[in-house]
Amino acid sequence: MNIIQCYAPTNDSNNDIKDQFHDRLQSIIEKCSRKNLTIMIGDLNAKVGIDNTGYEDIMGRHGLGERNGNG
């Protein structure tokens, strides 16, 4: 089993910092064996809101407020 715990930069962080975070997270995920269960938990500093237009297959409409740039 692989467990990944992370804390993402806030929406106010500059795009370079957010890109570095996502690149590093992707690199870590790619190193996990696909034969094992991978669980990712953390604070991704995202608000998903209730508007799931274009994301209906992966996102419900059960959030609060509006989606932010990290959502």
Foldseek 3Di string as FASTA:
>chain_A
DAEAEDEADALPDDPVRRVVVVVVVVVVVVPDDPVDDYHYYYHQNWFDAQDCVVNVVPDHRPTHDHTDPSD
